């Protein structure tokens, strides 16, 4: 008699949110619950080391891709060492200040190989990564947002804000986001991974600049709508200054639905402590979408803005097991 079949999972996001989700999902690869893990990463960053390299070499920003690769490194000496090397940021006062080793490695391989996916796969093999990392698109792009509240004498006026950093730190209220160009070249391997997946995980992360941008790539949105994979949406633990001020759990889900109304969600995962008094509203919102709500303790501690990888892994395992 055999046990449950190991399943394939595709995780969407960027930055610290995706890094934490991948650290959790990597544990399920270790215990054979997941046999194929793919990260699909937002590539619109225009700040820091990534922004400098993007501007100088006209390449995709490598930073979020690097963080995803680091998250997939094992906990043994080899994995820990390479994760630390990949994440090492140069200090000092010269031109290298602020650059990250992993960013330079990825961009160097892109130049040598001329192939985004091949280069990322080679970095993954070097690290012993327990999964694959792919960009959401192959075209350098900018995030734009219609923002309300930036015109002093007309608080309802909309202002167009351009750039991931600028959108993430705006003082106004984000109404809607878009990509420029609006139809970036899709990554074929990423689209195929979604089409062949058993499960898709969306979030946690910066909602408007790391999570929703995936749904703005037409080919990727179409793949997510068509796929037979079951979609898990992981809600953030709190509002985020600049992006989601005043947002409760239901607001995150509502904005996601506004940007991708055809997306069928199977499960919404929320943290018990962070939901608090908003639980009833969230239950109503999730029920209206036809999804199941799973409420677990998945934060590092009560009041934390970060998910705990071990608790998140246990929650993922239970959802996958129940199907």
C-alpha atoms as a PDB file:
ATOM      1  CA  UNK A   1       0.000   0.000   0.000  1.00  0.00           C
ATOM      2  CA  UNK A   2       1.414   3.369  -1.007  1.00  0.00           C
ATOM      3  CA  UNK A   3       1.021   6.726   0.689  1.00  0.00           C
ATOM      4  CA  UNK A   4      -0.457   9.924  -0.811  1.00  0.00           C
ATOM      5  CA  UNK A   5       1.083  11.051  -4.079  1.00  0.00           C
ATOM      6  CA  UNK A   6       3.635  13.860  -3.806  1.00  0.00           C
ATOM      7  CA  UNK A   7       2.339  16.983  -5.478  1.00  0.00           C
ATOM      8  CA  UNK A   8       3.684  19.839  -7.582  1.00  0.00           C
ATOM      9  CA  UNK A   9       3.426  23.369  -6.208  1.00  0.00           C
ATOM     10  CA  UNK A  10       3.967  26.750  -7.869  1.00  0.00           C
ATOM     11  CA  UNK A  11       4.484  29.730  -5.544  1.00  0.00           C
ATOM     12  CA  UNK A  12       3.977  33.323  -6.694  1.00  0.00           C
ATOM     13  CA  UNK A  13       5.318  36.503  -5.140  1.00  0.00           C
ATOM     14  CA  UNK A  14       8.487  38.430  -4.523  1.00  0.00           C
ATOM     15  CA  UNK A  15      10.743  39.784  -1.810  1.00  0.00           C
ATOM     16  CA  UNK A  16      10.512  38.698   1.813  1.00  0.00           C
ATOM     17  CA  UNK A  17       6.994  37.264   1.542  1.00  0.00           C
ATOM     18  CA  UNK A  18       7.929  34.780  -1.163  1.00  0.00           C
ATOM     19  CA  UNK A  19      11.216  34.022   0.604  1.00  0.00           C
ATOM     20  CA  UNK A  20       9.309  32.936   3.723  1.00  0.00           C
ATOM     21  CA  UNK A  21       6.722  30.957   1.752  1.00  0.00           C
ATOM     22  CA  UNK A  22       9.482  29.102  -0.111  1.00  0.00           C
ATOM     23  CA  UNK A  23      11.316  28.303   3.126  1.00  0.00           C
ATOM     24  CA  UNK A  24       8.059  26.719   4.312  1.00  0.00           C
ATOM     25  CA  UNK A  25       7.384  24.839   1.073  1.00  0.00           C
ATOM     26  CA  UNK A  26      10.990  23.607   0.955  1.00  0.00           C
ATOM     27  CA  UNK A  27      10.250  21.652   4.135  1.00  0.00           C
ATOM     28  CA  UNK A  28       7.505  19.813   2.253  1.00  0.00           C
ATOM     29  CA  UNK A  29      10.033  18.856  -0.419  1.00  0.00           C
ATOM     30  CA  UNK A  30      12.236  17.454   2.343  1.00  0.00           C
ATOM     31  CA  UNK A  31       9.424  15.297   3.738  1.00  0.00           C
ATOM     32  CA  UNK A  32       8.317  14.244   0.216  1.00  0.00           C
ATOM     33  CA  UNK A  33       4.880  15.883   0.427  1.00  0.00           C
ATOM     34  CA  UNK A  34       5.925  18.041  -2.544  1.00  0.00           C
ATOM     35  CA  UNK A  35       7.953  16.521  -5.368  1.00  0.00           C
ATOM     36  CA  UNK A  36       8.207  19.577  -7.614  1.00  0.00           C
ATOM     37  CA  UNK A  37       8.447  23.172  -6.375  1.00  0.00           C
ATOM     38  CA  UNK A  38       8.606  26.197  -8.670  1.00  0.00           C
ATOM     39  CA  UNK A  39       8.849  29.851  -7.647  1.00  0.00           C
ATOM     40  CA  UNK A  40       7.534  32.447 -10.096  1.00  0.00           C
ATOM     41  CA  UNK A  41       8.938  35.812  -9.159  1.00  0.00           C
ATOM     42  CA  UNK A  42       7.944  39.435  -9.703  1.00  0.00           C
ATOM     43  CA  UNK A  43      10.563  41.243 -11.809  1.00  0.00           C
ATOM     44  CA  UNK A  44       9.726  44.956 -11.685  1.00  0.00           C
ATOM     45  CA  UNK A  45      12.091  46.216  -8.957  1.00  0.00           C
ATOM     46  CA  UNK A  46      13.729  49.542  -9.721  1.00  0.00           C
ATOM     47  CA  UNK A  47      15.571  50.218  -6.462  1.00  0.00           C
ATOM     48  CA  UNK A  48      18.825  49.298  -4.743  1.00  0.00           C
ATOM     49  CA  UNK A  49      21.348  46.935  -6.277  1.00  0.00           C
ATOM     50  CA  UNK A  50      18.702  45.428  -8.578  1.00  0.00           C
ATOM     51  CA  UNK A  51      17.669  48.800  -9.920  1.00  0.00           C
ATOM     52  CA  UNK A  52      21.276  49.824 -10.560  1.00  0.00           C
ATOM     53  CA  UNK A  53      22.038  46.612 -12.455  1.00  0.00           C
ATOM     54  CA  UNK A  54      18.789  46.833 -14.383  1.00  0.00           C
ATOM     55  CA  UNK A  55      19.574  50.379 -15.466  1.00  0.00           C
ATOM     56  CA  UNK A  56      23.201  49.674 -16.371  1.00  0.00           C
ATOM     57  CA  UNK A  57      22.744  46.402 -18.250  1.00  0.00           C
ATOM     58  CA  UNK A  58      19.074  46.578 -19.381  1.00  0.00           C
ATOM     59  CA  UNK A  59      18.290  43.250 -17.715  1.00  0.00           C
ATOM     60  CA  UNK A  60      15.588  41.961 -15.440  1.00  0.00           C
ATOM     61  CA  UNK A  61      16.123  43.073 -11.833  1.00  0.00           C
ATOM     62  CA  UNK A  62      17.768  40.053 -10.162  1.00  0.00           C
ATOM     63  CA  UNK A  63      17.100  40.769  -6.479  1.00  0.00           C
ATOM     64  CA  UNK A  64      13.814  38.953  -5.889  1.00  0.00           C
ATOM     65  CA  UNK A  65      15.023  36.027  -8.005  1.00  0.00           C
ATOM     66  CA  UNK A  66      18.134  35.841  -5.816  1.00  0.00           C
ATOM     67  CA  UNK A  67      16.078  35.850  -2.622  1.00  0.00           C
ATOM     68  CA  UNK A  68      13.915  33.023  -3.935  1.00  0.00           C
ATOM     69  CA  UNK A  69      16.988  30.943  -4.793  1.00  0.00           C
ATOM     70  CA  UNK A  70      18.448  31.573  -1.338  1.00  0.00           C
ATOM     71  CA  UNK A  71      15.193  30.414   0.276  1.00  0.00           C
ATOM     72  CA  UNK A  72      15.419  27.100  -1.565  1.00  0.00           C
ATOM     73  CA  UNK A  73      18.892  26.284  -0.223  1.00  0.00           C
ATOM     74  CA  UNK A  74      19.081  23.368   2.193  1.00  0.00           C
ATOM     75  CA  UNK A  75      19.822  23.627   5.905  1.00  0.00           C
ATOM     76  CA  UNK A  76      23.076  21.654   5.586  1.00  0.00           C
ATOM     77  CA  UNK A  77      26.514  23.291   5.527  1.00  0.00           C
ATOM     78  CA  UNK A  78      26.574  23.559   1.728  1.00  0.00           C
ATOM     79  CA  UNK A  79      23.140  25.137   1.510  1.00  0.00           C
ATOM     80  CA  UNK A  80      23.689  27.514   4.410  1.00  0.00           C
ATOM     81  CA  UNK A  81      27.062  28.646   3.073  1.00  0.00           C
ATOM     82  CA  UNK A  82      25.790  29.334  -0.427  1.00  0.00           C
ATOM     83  CA  UNK A  83      22.663  31.044   0.846  1.00  0.00           C
ATOM     84  CA  UNK A  84      24.844  33.403   2.884  1.00  0.00           C
ATOM     85  CA  UNK A  85      27.163  34.020  -0.083  1.00  0.00           C
ATOM     86  CA  UNK A  86      24.239  34.717  -2.374  1.00  0.00           C
ATOM     87  CA  UNK A  87      22.755  37.229   0.087  1.00  0.00           C
ATOM     88  CA  UNK A  88      26.039  38.953   0.988  1.00  0.00           C
ATOM     89  CA  UNK A  89      25.859  42.712   0.446  1.00  0.00           C
ATOM     90  CA  UNK A  90      29.081  44.687  -0.021  1.00  0.00           C
ATOM     91  CA  UNK A  91      29.812  47.496   2.412  1.00  0.00           C
ATOM     92  CA  UNK A  92      32.465  50.174   2.007  1.00  0.00           C
ATOM     93  CA  UNK A  93      32.275  53.479   0.170  1.00  0.00           C
ATOM     94  CA  UNK A  94      33.124  52.576  -3.435  1.00  0.00           C
ATOM     95  CA  UNK A  95      31.087  51.681  -6.508  1.00  0.00           C
ATOM     96  CA  UNK A  96      30.391  48.204  -5.162  1.00  0.00           C
ATOM     97  CA  UNK A  97      28.704  49.486  -2.011  1.00  0.00           C
ATOM     98  CA  UNK A  98      25.199  48.045  -1.725  1.00  0.00           C
ATOM     99  CA  UNK A  99      25.594  45.460  -4.466  1.00  0.00           C
ATOM    100  CA  UNK A 100      24.743  41.859  -3.594  1.00  0.00           C
ATOM    101  CA  UNK A 101      26.898  38.900  -4.639  1.00  0.00           C
ATOM    102  CA  UNK A 102      23.937  36.888  -5.903  1.00  0.00           C
ATOM    103  CA  UNK A 103      22.707  39.754  -8.073  1.00  0.00           C
ATOM    104  CA  UNK A 104      26.109  40.017  -9.756  1.00  0.00           C
ATOM    105  CA  UNK A 105      26.292  36.245 -10.244  1.00  0.00           C
ATOM    106  CA  UNK A 106      22.872  36.094 -11.891  1.00  0.00           C
ATOM    107  CA  UNK A 107      23.494  39.066 -14.185  1.00  0.00           C
ATOM    108  CA  UNK A 108      26.923  37.671 -15.109  1.00  0.00           C
ATOM    109  CA  UNK A 109      25.381  34.356 -16.150  1.00  0.00           C
ATOM    110  CA  UNK A 110      22.667  36.162 -18.106  1.00  0.00           C
ATOM    111  CA  UNK A 111      25.376  37.959 -20.067  1.00  0.00           C
ATOM    112  CA  UNK A 112      27.404  34.786 -20.652  1.00  0.00           C
ATOM    113  CA  UNK A 113      24.519  32.478 -21.552  1.00  0.00           C
ATOM    114  CA  UNK A 114      21.996  34.884 -23.049  1.00  0.00           C
ATOM    115  CA  UNK A 115      19.183  32.873 -21.471  1.00  0.00           C
ATOM    116  CA  UNK A 116      17.363  33.946 -18.305  1.00  0.00           C
ATOM    117  CA  UNK A 117      15.991  30.510 -17.434  1.00  0.00           C
ATOM    118  CA  UNK A 118      19.162  28.527 -18.154  1.00  0.00           C
ATOM    119  CA  UNK A 119      21.171  30.920 -15.988  1.00  0.00           C
ATOM    120  CA  UNK A 120      18.759  30.651 -13.057  1.00  0.00           C
ATOM    121  CA  UNK A 121      18.687  26.867 -13.371  1.00  0.00           C
ATOM    122  CA  UNK A 122      22.492  26.775 -13.253  1.00  0.00           C
ATOM    123  CA  UNK A 123      22.582  28.936 -10.129  1.00  0.00           C
ATOM    124  CA  UNK A 124      20.028  26.610  -8.582  1.00  0.00           C
ATOM    125  CA  UNK A 125      22.187  23.565  -9.324  1.00  0.00           C
ATOM    126  CA  UNK A 126      25.227  25.286  -7.830  1.00  0.00           C
ATOM    127  CA  UNK A 127      23.282  25.990  -4.638  1.00  0.00           C
ATOM    128  CA  UNK A 128      21.605  22.603  -4.445  1.00  0.00           C
ATOM    129  CA  UNK A 129      18.283  24.459  -4.473  1.00  0.00           C
ATOM    130  CA  UNK A 130      15.245  22.314  -3.729  1.00  0.00           C
ATOM    131  CA  UNK A 131      13.124  23.819  -6.449  1.00  0.00           C
ATOM    132  CA  UNK A 132      13.193  25.984  -9.541  1.00  0.00           C
ATOM    133  CA  UNK A 133      13.072  29.796  -9.776  1.00  0.00           C
ATOM    134  CA  UNK A 134      11.557  31.520 -12.815  1.00  0.00           C
ATOM    135  CA  UNK A 135      10.709  35.148 -13.675  1.00  0.00           C
ATOM    136  CA  UNK A 136       7.054  36.049 -14.224  1.00  0.00           C
ATOM    137  CA  UNK A 137       8.039  37.604 -17.576  1.00  0.00           C
ATOM    138  CA  UNK A 138      11.150  38.126 -19.698  1.00  0.00           C
ATOM    139  CA  UNK A 139      10.662  41.842 -20.393  1.00  0.00           C
ATOM    140  CA  UNK A 140      11.972  44.554 -18.047  1.00  0.00           C
ATOM    141  CA  UNK A 141       8.895  46.431 -16.865  1.00  0.00           C
ATOM    142  CA  UNK A 142       7.616  49.099 -14.520  1.00  0.00           C
ATOM    143  CA  UNK A 143       4.679  48.978 -12.149  1.00  0.00           C
ATOM    144  CA  UNK A 144       2.373  51.979 -12.399  1.00  0.00           C
ATOM    145  CA  UNK A 145      -0.463  52.879 -10.061  1.00  0.00           C
ATOM    146  CA  UNK A 146      -3.422  55.209  -9.994  1.00  0.00           C
ATOM    147  CA  UNK A 147      -3.151  56.828  -6.570  1.00  0.00           C
ATOM    148  CA  UNK A 148      -5.743  58.943  -4.794  1.00  0.00           C
ATOM    149  CA  UNK A 149      -4.966  61.639  -2.233  1.00  0.00           C
ATOM    150  CA  UNK A 150      -1.765  63.197  -3.593  1.00  0.00           C
ATOM    151  CA  UNK A 151      -3.408  66.441  -4.812  1.00  0.00           C
ATOM    152  CA  UNK A 152      -3.887  68.743  -1.844  1.00  0.00           C
ATOM    153  CA  UNK A 153      -6.907  70.666  -3.153  1.00  0.00           C
ATOM    154  CA  UNK A 154      -8.575  67.660  -4.815  1.00  0.00           C
ATOM    155  CA  UNK A 155      -8.351  64.569  -2.585  1.00  0.00           C
ATOM    156  CA  UNK A 156     -10.314  62.435  -5.075  1.00  0.00           C
ATOM    157  CA  UNK A 157      -8.000  63.189  -7.989  1.00  0.00           C
ATOM    158  CA  UNK A 158      -5.936  60.307  -9.334  1.00  0.00           C
ATOM    159  CA  UNK A 159      -2.186  60.624  -9.847  1.00  0.00           C
ATOM    160  CA  UNK A 160      -0.144  58.179 -11.922  1.00  0.00           C
ATOM    161  CA  UNK A 161       2.817  56.890  -9.901  1.00  0.00           C
ATOM    162  CA  UNK A 162       5.547  54.943 -11.729  1.00  0.00           C
ATOM    163  CA  UNK A 163       8.077  52.448 -10.372  1.00  0.00           C
ATOM    164  CA  UNK A 164       7.923  49.673  -7.793  1.00  0.00           C
ATOM    165  CA  UNK A 165       9.741  51.662  -5.115  1.00  0.00           C
ATOM    166  CA  UNK A 166       7.601  54.743  -5.719  1.00  0.00           C
ATOM    167  CA  UNK A 167       4.353  52.759  -5.647  1.00  0.00           C
ATOM    168  CA  UNK A 168       5.392  50.883  -2.500  1.00  0.00           C
ATOM    169  CA  UNK A 169       6.146  54.118  -0.634  1.00  0.00           C
ATOM    170  CA  UNK A 170       3.379  56.410  -1.879  1.00  0.00           C
ATOM    171  CA  UNK A 171       1.615  58.643   0.629  1.00  0.00           C
ATOM    172  CA  UNK A 172      -1.686  58.221  -1.201  1.00  0.00           C
ATOM    173  CA  UNK A 173      -4.186  55.384  -1.553  1.00  0.00           C
ATOM    174  CA  UNK A 174      -3.544  52.927  -4.397  1.00  0.00           C
ATOM    175  CA  UNK A 175      -6.674  52.393  -6.483  1.00  0.00           C
ATOM    176  CA  UNK A 176      -5.330  50.187  -9.264  1.00  0.00           C
ATOM    177  CA  UNK A 177      -2.025  49.013 -10.675  1.00  0.00           C
ATOM    178  CA  UNK A 178      -0.831  48.196 -14.185  1.00  0.00           C
ATOM    179  CA  UNK A 179       2.352  47.143 -15.952  1.00  0.00           C
ATOM    180  CA  UNK A 180       4.324  49.086 -18.535  1.00  0.00           C
ATOM    181  CA  UNK A 181       4.542  47.512 -21.074  1.00  0.00           C
ATOM    182  CA  UNK A 182       1.059  46.056 -20.466  1.00  0.00           C
ATOM    183  CA  UNK A 183       1.790  42.794 -22.296  1.00  0.00           C
ATOM    184  CA  UNK A 184       5.346  41.756 -21.358  1.00  0.00           C
ATOM    185  CA  UNK A 185       6.865  38.682 -22.965  1.00  0.00           C
ATOM    186  CA  UNK A 186       5.823  35.710 -20.807  1.00  0.00           C
ATOM    187  CA  UNK A 187       8.294  33.140 -19.544  1.00  0.00           C
ATOM    188  CA  UNK A 188       7.149  29.927 -21.305  1.00  0.00           C
ATOM    189  CA  UNK A 189       8.526  27.689 -18.551  1.00  0.00           C
ATOM    190  CA  UNK A 190       6.571  29.659 -15.936  1.00  0.00           C
ATOM    191  CA  UNK A 191       3.328  29.395 -17.884  1.00  0.00           C
ATOM    192  CA  UNK A 192       3.886  25.642 -18.341  1.00  0.00           C
ATOM    193  CA  UNK A 193       4.563  25.186 -14.629  1.00  0.00           C
ATOM    194  CA  UNK A 194       1.209  26.770 -13.764  1.00  0.00           C
ATOM    195  CA  UNK A 195      -0.625  24.667 -16.328  1.00  0.00           C
ATOM    196  CA  UNK A 196       0.896  21.452 -14.939  1.00  0.00           C
ATOM    197  CA  UNK A 197       0.720  22.254 -11.203  1.00  0.00           C
ATOM    198  CA  UNK A 198      -1.417  20.562  -8.578  1.00  0.00           C
ATOM    199  CA  UNK A 199      -1.370  23.612  -6.325  1.00  0.00           C
ATOM    200  CA  UNK A 200      -0.666  27.333  -6.772  1.00  0.00           C
ATOM    201  CA  UNK A 201       0.248  29.541  -3.797  1.00  0.00           C
ATOM    202  CA  UNK A 202      -0.283  33.314  -4.116  1.00  0.00           C
ATOM    203  CA  UNK A 203       1.147  35.532  -1.357  1.00  0.00           C
ATOM    204  CA  UNK A 204       2.089  36.586   1.199  1.00  0.00           C
ATOM    205  CA  UNK A 205       3.995  39.724   0.265  1.00  0.00           C
ATOM    206  CA  UNK A 206       3.680  43.365  -0.713  1.00  0.00           C
ATOM    207  CA  UNK A 207       0.202  43.187  -2.155  1.00  0.00           C
ATOM    208  CA  UNK A 208       0.397  45.752  -4.954  1.00  0.00           C
ATOM    209  CA  UNK A 209       4.065  45.376  -5.921  1.00  0.00           C
ATOM    210  CA  UNK A 210       4.864  41.680  -5.343  1.00  0.00           C
ATOM    211  CA  UNK A 211       1.573  39.747  -5.465  1.00  0.00           C
ATOM    212  CA  UNK A 212      -0.916  41.369  -7.838  1.00  0.00           C
ATOM    213  CA  UNK A 213       1.639  42.153 -10.631  1.00  0.00           C
ATOM    214  CA  UNK A 214       1.599  38.447 -11.596  1.00  0.00           C
ATOM    215  CA  UNK A 215      -2.068  38.809 -12.469  1.00  0.00           C
ATOM    216  CA  UNK A 216      -1.284  41.772 -14.715  1.00  0.00           C
ATOM    217  CA  UNK A 217       0.789  39.673 -17.135  1.00  0.00           C
ATOM    218  CA  UNK A 218      -1.892  38.563 -19.628  1.00  0.00           C
ATOM    219  CA  UNK A 219      -0.362  35.162 -20.445  1.00  0.00           C
ATOM    220  CA  UNK A 220       0.184  34.401 -16.758  1.00  0.00           C
ATOM    221  CA  UNK A 221      -3.296  35.512 -15.754  1.00  0.00           C
ATOM    222  CA  UNK A 222      -4.776  33.323 -18.506  1.00  0.00           C
ATOM    223  CA  UNK A 223      -2.722  30.348 -17.278  1.00  0.00           C
ATOM    224  CA  UNK A 224      -3.929  30.901 -13.703  1.00  0.00           C
ATOM    225  CA  UNK A 225      -7.547  31.073 -14.844  1.00  0.00           C
ATOM    226  CA  UNK A 226      -7.226  27.950 -17.041  1.00  0.00           C
ATOM    227  CA  UNK A 227      -5.189  25.741 -14.727  1.00  0.00           C
ATOM    228  CA  UNK A 228      -6.763  22.841 -12.895  1.00  0.00           C
ATOM    229  CA  UNK A 229      -4.419  23.544  -9.962  1.00  0.00           C
ATOM    230  CA  UNK A 230      -6.041  24.484  -6.686  1.00  0.00           C
ATOM    231  CA  UNK A 231      -5.178  28.059  -5.707  1.00  0.00           C
ATOM    232  CA  UNK A 232      -4.185  29.001  -2.149  1.00  0.00           C
ATOM    233  CA  UNK A 233      -4.140  32.695  -1.245  1.00  0.00           C
ATOM    234  CA  UNK A 234      -2.039  33.484   1.829  1.00  0.00           C
ATOM    235  CA  UNK A 235      -3.105  36.745   3.444  1.00  0.00           C
ATOM    236  CA  UNK A 236      -0.672  39.227   4.937  1.00  0.00           C
ATOM    237  CA  UNK A 237      -0.553  39.615   8.698  1.00  0.00           C
ATOM    238  CA  UNK A 238      -1.072  43.374   8.783  1.00  0.00           C
ATOM    239  CA  UNK A 239      -1.459  46.466   6.670  1.00  0.00           C
ATOM    240  CA  UNK A 240       1.656  47.825   4.951  1.00  0.00           C
ATOM    241  CA  UNK A 241       2.539  51.506   5.012  1.00  0.00           C
ATOM    242  CA  UNK A 242       2.491  52.959   1.519  1.00  0.00           C
ATOM    243  CA  UNK A 243       0.713  50.018  -0.125  1.00  0.00           C
ATOM    244  CA  UNK A 244      -2.193  48.895   2.042  1.00  0.00           C
ATOM    245  CA  UNK A 245      -2.787  51.400   4.868  1.00  0.00           C
ATOM    246  CA  UNK A 246      -5.980  50.616   6.723  1.00  0.00           C
ATOM    247  CA  UNK A 247      -6.414  47.250   4.992  1.00  0.00           C
ATOM    248  CA  UNK A 248      -7.950  44.371   6.882  1.00  0.00           C
ATOM    249  CA  UNK A 249      -7.817  40.714   5.758  1.00  0.00           C
ATOM    250  CA  UNK A 250     -10.980  41.010   3.646  1.00  0.00           C
ATOM    251  CA  UNK A 251      -9.633  44.116   1.907  1.00  0.00           C
ATOM    252  CA  UNK A 252      -6.585  42.195   0.660  1.00  0.00           C
ATOM    253  CA  UNK A 253      -8.854  39.535  -0.814  1.00  0.00           C
ATOM    254  CA  UNK A 254     -11.207  42.109  -2.322  1.00  0.00           C
ATOM    255  CA  UNK A 255      -8.408  43.944  -4.144  1.00  0.00           C
ATOM    256  CA  UNK A 256      -7.078  40.651  -5.496  1.00  0.00           C
ATOM    257  CA  UNK A 257     -10.551  39.839  -6.861  1.00  0.00           C
ATOM    258  CA  UNK A 258     -10.857  43.294  -8.446  1.00  0.00           C
ATOM    259  CA  UNK A 259      -7.636  42.795 -10.390  1.00  0.00           C
ATOM    260  CA  UNK A 260      -8.388  39.184 -11.387  1.00  0.00           C
ATOM    261  CA  UNK A 261     -12.154  38.565 -11.170  1.00  0.00           C
ATOM    262  CA  UNK A 262     -11.933  35.276 -13.086  1.00  0.00           C
ATOM    263  CA  UNK A 263      -9.399  33.702 -10.713  1.00  0.00           C
ATOM    264  CA  UNK A 264     -10.932  30.754  -8.871  1.00  0.00           C
ATOM    265  CA  UNK A 265      -9.530  30.481  -5.344  1.00  0.00           C
ATOM    266  CA  UNK A 266      -9.658  27.123  -3.563  1.00  0.00           C
ATOM    267  CA  UNK A 267      -8.356  28.078  -0.097  1.00  0.00           C
ATOM    268  CA  UNK A 268      -7.648  31.311   1.773  1.00  0.00           C
ATOM    269  CA  UNK A 269      -5.098  30.961   4.567  1.00  0.00           C
ATOM    270  CA  UNK A 270      -5.155  33.577   7.340  1.00  0.00           C
ATOM    271  CA  UNK A 271      -3.422  33.945  10.690  1.00  0.00           C
ATOM    272  CA  UNK A 272      -5.722  33.539  13.676  1.00  0.00           C
ATOM    273  CA  UNK A 273      -4.211  36.295  15.802  1.00  0.00           C
ATOM    274  CA  UNK A 274      -4.011  38.875  13.033  1.00  0.00           C
ATOM    275  CA  UNK A 275      -7.603  38.324  11.877  1.00  0.00           C
ATOM    276  CA  UNK A 276      -9.065  39.102  15.288  1.00  0.00           C
ATOM    277  CA  UNK A 277     -12.327  41.041  15.126  1.00  0.00           C
ATOM    278  CA  UNK A 278     -12.284  40.950  11.307  1.00  0.00           C
ATOM    279  CA  UNK A 279     -12.980  37.207  11.208  1.00  0.00           C
ATOM    280  CA  UNK A 280     -16.716  37.474  10.457  1.00  0.00           C
ATOM    281  CA  UNK A 281     -16.159  39.900   7.573  1.00  0.00           C
ATOM    282  CA  UNK A 282     -13.437  37.658   6.167  1.00  0.00           C
ATOM    283  CA  UNK A 283     -15.668  34.585   6.454  1.00  0.00           C
ATOM    284  CA  UNK A 284     -18.379  36.359   4.460  1.00  0.00           C
ATOM    285  CA  UNK A 285     -15.916  37.475   1.784  1.00  0.00           C
ATOM    286  CA  UNK A 286     -14.378  34.010   1.395  1.00  0.00           C
ATOM    287  CA  UNK A 287     -17.783  32.324   1.311  1.00  0.00           C
ATOM    288  CA  UNK A 288     -18.878  34.692  -1.461  1.00  0.00           C
ATOM    289  CA  UNK A 289     -15.942  33.552  -3.590  1.00  0.00           C
ATOM    290  CA  UNK A 290     -16.708  29.855  -3.052  1.00  0.00           C
ATOM    291  CA  UNK A 291     -13.348  29.241  -1.393  1.00  0.00           C
ATOM    292  CA  UNK A 292     -12.563  27.543   1.910  1.00  0.00           C
ATOM    293  CA  UNK A 293     -11.146  29.603   4.790  1.00  0.00           C
ATOM    294  CA  UNK A 294      -8.337  28.113   6.870  1.00  0.00           C
ATOM    295  CA  UNK A 295      -7.402  30.061   9.997  1.00  0.00           C
ATOM    296  CA  UNK A 296      -4.181  28.938  11.683  1.00  0.00           C
ATOM    297  CA  UNK A 297      -1.454  30.381  13.883  1.00  0.00           C
ATOM    298  CA  UNK A 298       1.190  31.089  11.245  1.00  0.00           C
ATOM    299  CA  UNK A 299       2.853  34.300  12.500  1.00  0.00           C
ATOM    300  CA  UNK A 300       6.278  34.355  14.166  1.00  0.00           C
ATOM    301  CA  UNK A 301       4.483  35.688  17.253  1.00  0.00           C
ATOM    302  CA  UNK A 302       1.340  37.640  18.067  1.00  0.00           C
ATOM    303  CA  UNK A 303       1.608  41.056  16.445  1.00  0.00           C
ATOM    304  CA  UNK A 304       4.423  40.035  14.101  1.00  0.00           C
ATOM    305  CA  UNK A 305       4.376  41.148  10.452  1.00  0.00           C
ATOM    306  CA  UNK A 306       6.254  38.005   9.379  1.00  0.00           C
ATOM    307  CA  UNK A 307       5.071  34.441   8.921  1.00  0.00           C
ATOM    308  CA  UNK A 308       6.877  31.622  10.693  1.00  0.00           C
ATOM    309  CA  UNK A 309       8.243  29.158   8.096  1.00  0.00           C
ATOM    310  CA  UNK A 310       7.699  26.096  10.311  1.00  0.00           C
ATOM    311  CA  UNK A 311       4.110  27.015  11.190  1.00  0.00           C
ATOM    312  CA  UNK A 312       3.403  27.977   7.596  1.00  0.00           C
ATOM    313  CA  UNK A 313       4.826  24.650   6.390  1.00  0.00           C
ATOM    314  CA  UNK A 314       2.528  22.757   8.766  1.00  0.00           C
ATOM    315  CA  UNK A 315      -0.482  24.730   7.518  1.00  0.00           C
ATOM    316  CA  UNK A 316       0.460  24.078   3.877  1.00  0.00           C
ATOM    317  CA  UNK A 317       0.872  20.358   4.617  1.00  0.00           C
ATOM    318  CA  UNK A 318      -2.604  20.132   6.160  1.00  0.00           C
ATOM    319  CA  UNK A 319      -4.209  21.964   3.215  1.00  0.00           C
ATOM    320  CA  UNK A 320      -2.460  19.754   0.651  1.00  0.00           C
ATOM    321  CA  UNK A 321      -3.373  16.626   2.585  1.00  0.00           C
ATOM    322  CA  UNK A 322      -7.048  17.538   2.788  1.00  0.00           C
ATOM    323  CA  UNK A 323      -7.141  18.489  -0.901  1.00  0.00           C
END
